[in-house]
Structures are given as C-alpha cells and as structure tokens.
Amino acid sequence: MHLDEKYVKVNGKDCYDLNCIDSITKYVTAHLFVDKRTKSKCTEFLSQIKTTCYNQILAGYYVKKLTGVDKRITFVSDKFYNYKNAFNILFYRIAKLQFGVPIKCKKYGLKFNNN
C-alpha cells in the first residue's frame, strides 16, 4: 500500500488530501482531506485502513508467524515522520513500513520513489 498526499490550495488556504492506494488492485483504501498533517490526523487516516483491511493485514502476519515466510503487507511512504508515528501506533507488529525517496531527491541519484 502506498501512502501519499496532495497539496491543495482552497480559497487561499493550504490543505492536504491524504490517500492510500493498494499497489496491486489500485483500490483507494483510505482518503482524508485535512488542513494540517498532524500526528492525530495521520492516525485517523491510517485508522481507515485498519477498519477496511485489518483482516487481510493480520492474515499476512499469521503466515509469517506460523511458517516463517514473510507475507506481511508493506506500506510505502515518503519520509514524512507523522506517517511513521501513526503506523507505529496502529500496525507496528503486523505490517512493514518502507520509506521511499521524495520526488525532489531523484536528481541526487537516489533509487526509490513513492510514486
């Protein structure tokens, strides 16, 4: 699953559109429109994923626990720290978090990108 946000200006006010998209099915698993990307708003955003997909995420964790084959769901995010905080609150043991490289860092030769 890929976590990212879009910067939007509404009536002269800065806002963010937070989205989580399943990388295989392209299904939007969570969406939240916020004024600020605070830790509580990011937790609320990731709670939508927990409500929708928790059984699937937990199934991948149990496969790893019982067989040793790591089938946990991987969340991919840019290096926005509040995503990591919210992830650690909700999914720390049952899923993996991988930080990508922000788009503006591609020019420095870094390989991975969240897009």
Protein backbone atom coordinates (compact mmCIF):
# COMPACT_ATOMS: atom_id res chain seq x y z
CA MET A 1 0.00 0.00 0.00
CA HIS A 2 1.28 3.44 -0.89
CA LEU A 3 0.69 6.46 1.33
CA ASP A 4 0.96 9.93 -0.14
CA GLU A 5 -0.61 13.35 -0.01
CA LYS A 6 -1.52 16.08 -2.45
CA TYR A 7 -1.04 19.72 -1.58
CA VAL A 8 -4.19 21.71 -2.40
CA LYS A 9 -4.98 25.40 -2.02
CA VAL A 10 -8.68 26.00 -1.26
CA ASN A 11 -9.87 29.63 -1.08
CA GLY A 12 -6.29 30.74 -0.36
CA LYS A 13 -5.91 28.20 2.46
CA ASP A 14 -3.32 25.39 2.41
CA CYS A 15 -4.85 21.90 2.68
CA TYR A 16 -3.77 18.31 2.13
CA ASP A 17 -5.51 15.36 0.55
CA LEU A 18 -4.15 12.16 2.16
CA ASN A 19 -4.53 8.94 0.15
CA CYS A 20 -3.62 5.28 0.49
CA ILE A 21 -3.72 3.14 -2.64
CA ASP A 22 -3.27 -0.62 -2.92
CA SER A 23 -0.35 -1.09 -5.32
CA ILE A 24 -1.79 -4.27 -6.87
CA THR A 25 -5.50 -3.54 -7.29
CA LYS A 26 -5.23 0.30 -7.38
CA TYR A 27 -8.10 0.42 -4.85
CA VAL A 28 -8.16 3.52 -2.64
CA THR A 29 -8.20 2.05 0.88
CA ALA A 30 -8.22 5.38 2.73
CA HIS A 31 -8.77 9.05 1.97
CA LEU A 32 -8.78 12.11 4.25
CA PHE A 33 -8.87 15.85 3.48
CA VAL A 34 -7.11 17.86 6.22
CA ASP A 35 -5.86 21.37 6.96
CA LYS A 36 -2.66 20.14 8.64
CA ARG A 37 -0.82 16.81 8.57
CA THR A 38 -0.63 16.35 12.33
CA LYS A 39 0.04 13.08 14.12
CA SER A 40 -3.61 12.78 15.17
CA LYS A 41 -4.85 13.37 11.60
CA CYS A 42 -2.39 10.81 10.22
CA THR A 43 -3.55 8.32 12.86
CA GLU A 44 -7.17 8.99 11.88
CA PHE A 45 -6.20 8.46 8.24
CA LEU A 46 -4.46 5.12 8.89
CA SER A 47 -7.35 4.04 11.14
CA GLN A 48 -9.50 3.97 8.00
CA ILE A 49 -7.13 1.35 6.58
CA LYS A 50 -7.34 -0.64 9.80
CA THR A 51 -11.13 -0.57 9.61
CA THR A 52 -11.19 -1.66 5.97
CA CYS A 53 -8.29 -4.10 5.60
CA TYR A 54 -7.33 -5.33 9.09
CA ASN A 55 -8.25 -8.98 8.46
CA GLN A 56 -6.05 -9.14 5.34
CA ILE A 57 -3.14 -7.45 7.09
CA LEU A 58 -3.48 -9.80 10.06
CA ALA A 59 -3.57 -12.85 7.75
CA GLY A 60 -0.18 -11.89 6.30
CA TYR A 61 1.20 -11.54 9.83
CA TYR A 62 -0.04 -15.00 10.84
CA VAL A 63 1.60 -16.59 7.78
CA LYS A 64 4.93 -15.10 8.88
CA LYS A 65 4.39 -16.16 12.48
CA LEU A 66 3.45 -19.76 11.65
CA THR A 67 5.65 -20.55 8.64
CA GLY A 68 8.47 -18.02 8.81
CA VAL A 69 7.73 -16.80 5.26
CA ASP A 70 7.33 -13.02 5.44
CA LYS A 71 3.97 -12.27 3.79
CA ARG A 72 3.25 -9.13 5.79
CA ILE A 73 1.68 -6.17 4.00
CA THR A 74 4.20 -3.43 3.20
CA PHE A 75 3.26 0.24 3.49
CA VAL A 76 5.39 2.57 1.34
CA SER A 77 5.64 6.21 2.28
CA ASP A 78 7.77 9.26 1.69
CA LYS A 79 9.82 10.40 4.66
CA PHE A 80 7.03 12.33 6.39
CA TYR A 81 7.58 11.49 10.04
CA ASN A 82 3.91 11.60 11.17
CA TYR A 83 3.14 8.66 8.88
CA LYS A 84 5.75 6.65 10.77
CA ASN A 85 4.32 7.68 14.15
CA ALA A 86 0.78 6.76 13.12
CA PHE A 87 1.97 3.48 11.58
CA ASN A 88 3.78 2.52 14.80
CA ILE A 89 0.61 3.16 16.80
CA LEU A 90 -1.62 1.00 14.59
CA PHE A 91 0.42 -1.57 12.63
CA TYR A 92 3.86 -1.88 14.26
CA ARG A 93 3.99 -5.69 14.61
CA ILE A 94 1.66 -6.90 11.89
CA ALA A 95 2.90 -4.93 8.86
CA LYS A 96 6.10 -3.41 7.46
CA LEU A 97 6.82 0.23 6.70
CA GLN A 98 9.23 1.21 3.95
CA PHE A 99 10.24 4.81 3.42
CA GLY A 100 10.76 5.86 -0.18
CA VAL A 101 12.56 8.85 -1.56
CA PRO A 102 10.77 12.16 -2.06
CA ILE A 103 10.42 13.23 -5.70
CA LYS A 104 12.75 16.21 -5.28
CA CYS A 105 15.60 13.84 -4.25
CA LYS A 106 15.59 11.89 -7.55
CA LYS A 107 18.04 14.39 -9.02
CA TYR A 108 20.63 13.31 -6.43
CA GLY A 109 20.73 9.75 -7.80
CA LEU A 110 18.62 8.06 -5.11
CA LYS A 111 16.86 4.98 -6.49
CA PHE A 112 13.45 4.55 -4.86
CA ASN A 113 10.45 6.82 -5.09
CA ASN A 114 6.98 6.66 -3.54
CA ASN A 115 5.19 7.37 -6.84
